[in-house]
Amino acid sequence: MVTVKGILLGLVLFFIGSVLYVGNKLRPIEEHKATGISAITAVTVRNPWYWIGLIVALVVGCAIVWFWRRPSVVS
């Protein structure tokens, strides 16, 4: 169950990061202008750093859940 929660948290982090990343990359385009699908795929699917970001988000999500569920040792 910890793995499932970690993967879901990682996917949520990745989705939020993706929306912010794509919005930041395509922001300089002028208002009321069309953006081609090739520009969006170039920023996302064809970018290897995008996929590395997915792996990092999944690892970070699993790490957060794993550290959160550990019993705290307070003496």
C-alpha atoms as a PDB file:
ATOM      1  CA  MET A   1       0.000   0.000   0.000  1.00  0.00           C
ATOM      2  CA  VAL A   2       2.923   2.316   0.677  1.00  0.00           C
ATOM      3  CA  THR A   3       4.119   1.873  -2.901  1.00  0.00           C
ATOM      4  CA  VAL A   4       0.700   2.681  -4.336  1.00  0.00           C
ATOM      5  CA  LYS A   5       0.403   5.814  -2.200  1.00  0.00           C
ATOM      6  CA  GLY A   6       3.920   6.855  -3.176  1.00  0.00           C
ATOM      7  CA  ILE A   7       3.261   6.367  -6.875  1.00  0.00           C
ATOM      8  CA  LEU A   8       0.001   8.315  -6.670  1.00  0.00           C
ATOM      9  CA  LEU A   9       1.709  11.142  -4.787  1.00  0.00           C
ATOM     10  CA  GLY A  10       4.524  11.121  -7.340  1.00  0.00           C
ATOM     11  CA  LEU A  11       2.062  11.299 -10.227  1.00  0.00           C
ATOM     12  CA  VAL A  12       0.250  14.215  -8.603  1.00  0.00           C
ATOM     13  CA  LEU A  13       3.568  16.017  -8.104  1.00  0.00           C
ATOM     14  CA  PHE A  14       4.529  15.279 -11.713  1.00  0.00           C
ATOM     15  CA  PHE A  15       1.182  16.519 -13.051  1.00  0.00           C
ATOM     16  CA  ILE A  16       1.395  19.781 -11.112  1.00  0.00           C
ATOM     17  CA  GLY A  17       5.011  20.234 -12.166  1.00  0.00           C
ATOM     18  CA  SER A  18       4.131  19.482 -15.797  1.00  0.00           C
ATOM     19  CA  VAL A  19       1.374  22.070 -15.896  1.00  0.00           C
ATOM     20  CA  LEU A  20       3.654  24.691 -14.373  1.00  0.00           C
ATOM     21  CA  TYR A  21       6.576  23.735 -16.634  1.00  0.00           C
ATOM     22  CA  VAL A  22       4.579  23.834 -19.868  1.00  0.00           C
ATOM     23  CA  GLY A  23       2.889  27.063 -18.836  1.00  0.00           C
ATOM     24  CA  ASN A  24       6.254  28.622 -18.072  1.00  0.00           C
ATOM     25  CA  LYS A  25       7.839  27.452 -21.331  1.00  0.00           C
ATOM     26  CA  LEU A  26       4.963  28.610 -23.539  1.00  0.00           C
ATOM     27  CA  ARG A  27       4.205  31.849 -21.690  1.00  0.00           C
ATOM     28  CA  PRO A  28       6.311  34.151 -23.938  1.00  0.00           C
ATOM     29  CA  ILE A  29       3.971  33.378 -26.842  1.00  0.00           C
ATOM     30  CA  GLU A  30       1.770  36.351 -27.586  1.00  0.00           C
ATOM     31  CA  GLU A  31      -1.777  36.478 -26.305  1.00  0.00           C
ATOM     32  CA  HIS A  32      -4.576  35.278 -28.609  1.00  0.00           C
ATOM     33  CA  LYS A  33      -2.151  33.318 -30.768  1.00  0.00           C
ATOM     34  CA  ALA A  34      -2.477  29.619 -31.495  1.00  0.00           C
ATOM     35  CA  THR A  35       0.124  27.202 -30.143  1.00  0.00           C
ATOM     36  CA  GLY A  36       0.794  24.168 -32.285  1.00  0.00           C
ATOM     37  CA  ILE A  37       0.773  20.687 -30.865  1.00  0.00           C
ATOM     38  CA  SER A  38       4.360  20.290 -32.077  1.00  0.00           C
ATOM     39  CA  ALA A  39       5.462  23.020 -29.650  1.00  0.00           C
ATOM     40  CA  ILE A  40       3.773  21.272 -26.747  1.00  0.00           C
ATOM     41  CA  THR A  41       5.193  17.847 -27.640  1.00  0.00           C
ATOM     42  CA  ALA A  42       8.647  19.339 -28.105  1.00  0.00           C
ATOM     43  CA  VAL A  43       8.520  20.701 -24.560  1.00  0.00           C
ATOM     44  CA  THR A  44       7.134  17.480 -23.077  1.00  0.00           C
ATOM     45  CA  VAL A  45       7.156  14.114 -24.821  1.00  0.00           C
ATOM     46  CA  ARG A  46      10.263  14.656 -26.949  1.00  0.00           C
ATOM     47  CA  ASN A  47      12.269  16.156 -24.092  1.00  0.00           C
ATOM     48  CA  PRO A  48      14.326  13.557 -22.160  1.00  0.00           C
ATOM     49  CA  TRP A  49      14.420  15.793 -19.080  1.00  0.00           C
ATOM     50  CA  TYR A  50      10.639  15.570 -18.923  1.00  0.00           C
ATOM     51  CA  TRP A  51      10.843  11.777 -18.520  1.00  0.00           C
ATOM     52  CA  ILE A  52      13.665  12.085 -16.010  1.00  0.00           C
ATOM     53  CA  GLY A  53      11.365  14.429 -14.092  1.00  0.00           C
ATOM     54  CA  LEU A  54       8.705  11.698 -14.056  1.00  0.00           C
ATOM     55  CA  ILE A  55      11.137   9.209 -12.537  1.00  0.00           C
ATOM     56  CA  VAL A  56      12.341  11.755  -9.972  1.00  0.00           C
ATOM     57  CA  ALA A  57       8.749  12.645  -9.027  1.00  0.00           C
ATOM     58  CA  LEU A  58       7.892   8.978  -8.489  1.00  0.00           C
ATOM     59  CA  VAL A  59      10.978   8.414  -6.343  1.00  0.00           C
ATOM     60  CA  VAL A  60      10.328  11.550  -4.305  1.00  0.00           C
ATOM     61  CA  GLY A  61       6.662  10.568  -3.839  1.00  0.00           C
ATOM     62  CA  CYS A  62       7.632   7.100  -2.603  1.00  0.00           C
ATOM     63  CA  ALA A  63      10.306   8.592  -0.320  1.00  0.00           C
ATOM     64  CA  ILE A  64       7.851  11.072   1.201  1.00  0.00           C
ATOM     65  CA  VAL A  65       5.314   8.338   1.937  1.00  0.00           C
ATOM     66  CA  TRP A  66       7.989   6.009   3.288  1.00  0.00           C
ATOM     67  CA  PHE A  67       9.466   8.628   5.626  1.00  0.00           C
ATOM     68  CA  TRP A  68       6.030   9.798   6.711  1.00  0.00           C
ATOM     69  CA  ARG A  69       4.862   6.343   7.758  1.00  0.00           C
ATOM     70  CA  ARG A  70       8.002   5.515   9.733  1.00  0.00           C
ATOM     71  CA  PRO A  71       7.369   5.532  13.478  1.00  0.00           C
ATOM     72  CA  SER A  72       9.037   8.476  15.106  1.00  0.00           C
ATOM     73  CA  VAL A  73      11.582   7.617  17.771  1.00  0.00           C
ATOM     74  CA  VAL A  74      11.234  10.310  20.404  1.00  0.00           C
ATOM     75  CA  SER A  75      12.863   9.670  23.739  1.00  0.00           C
END
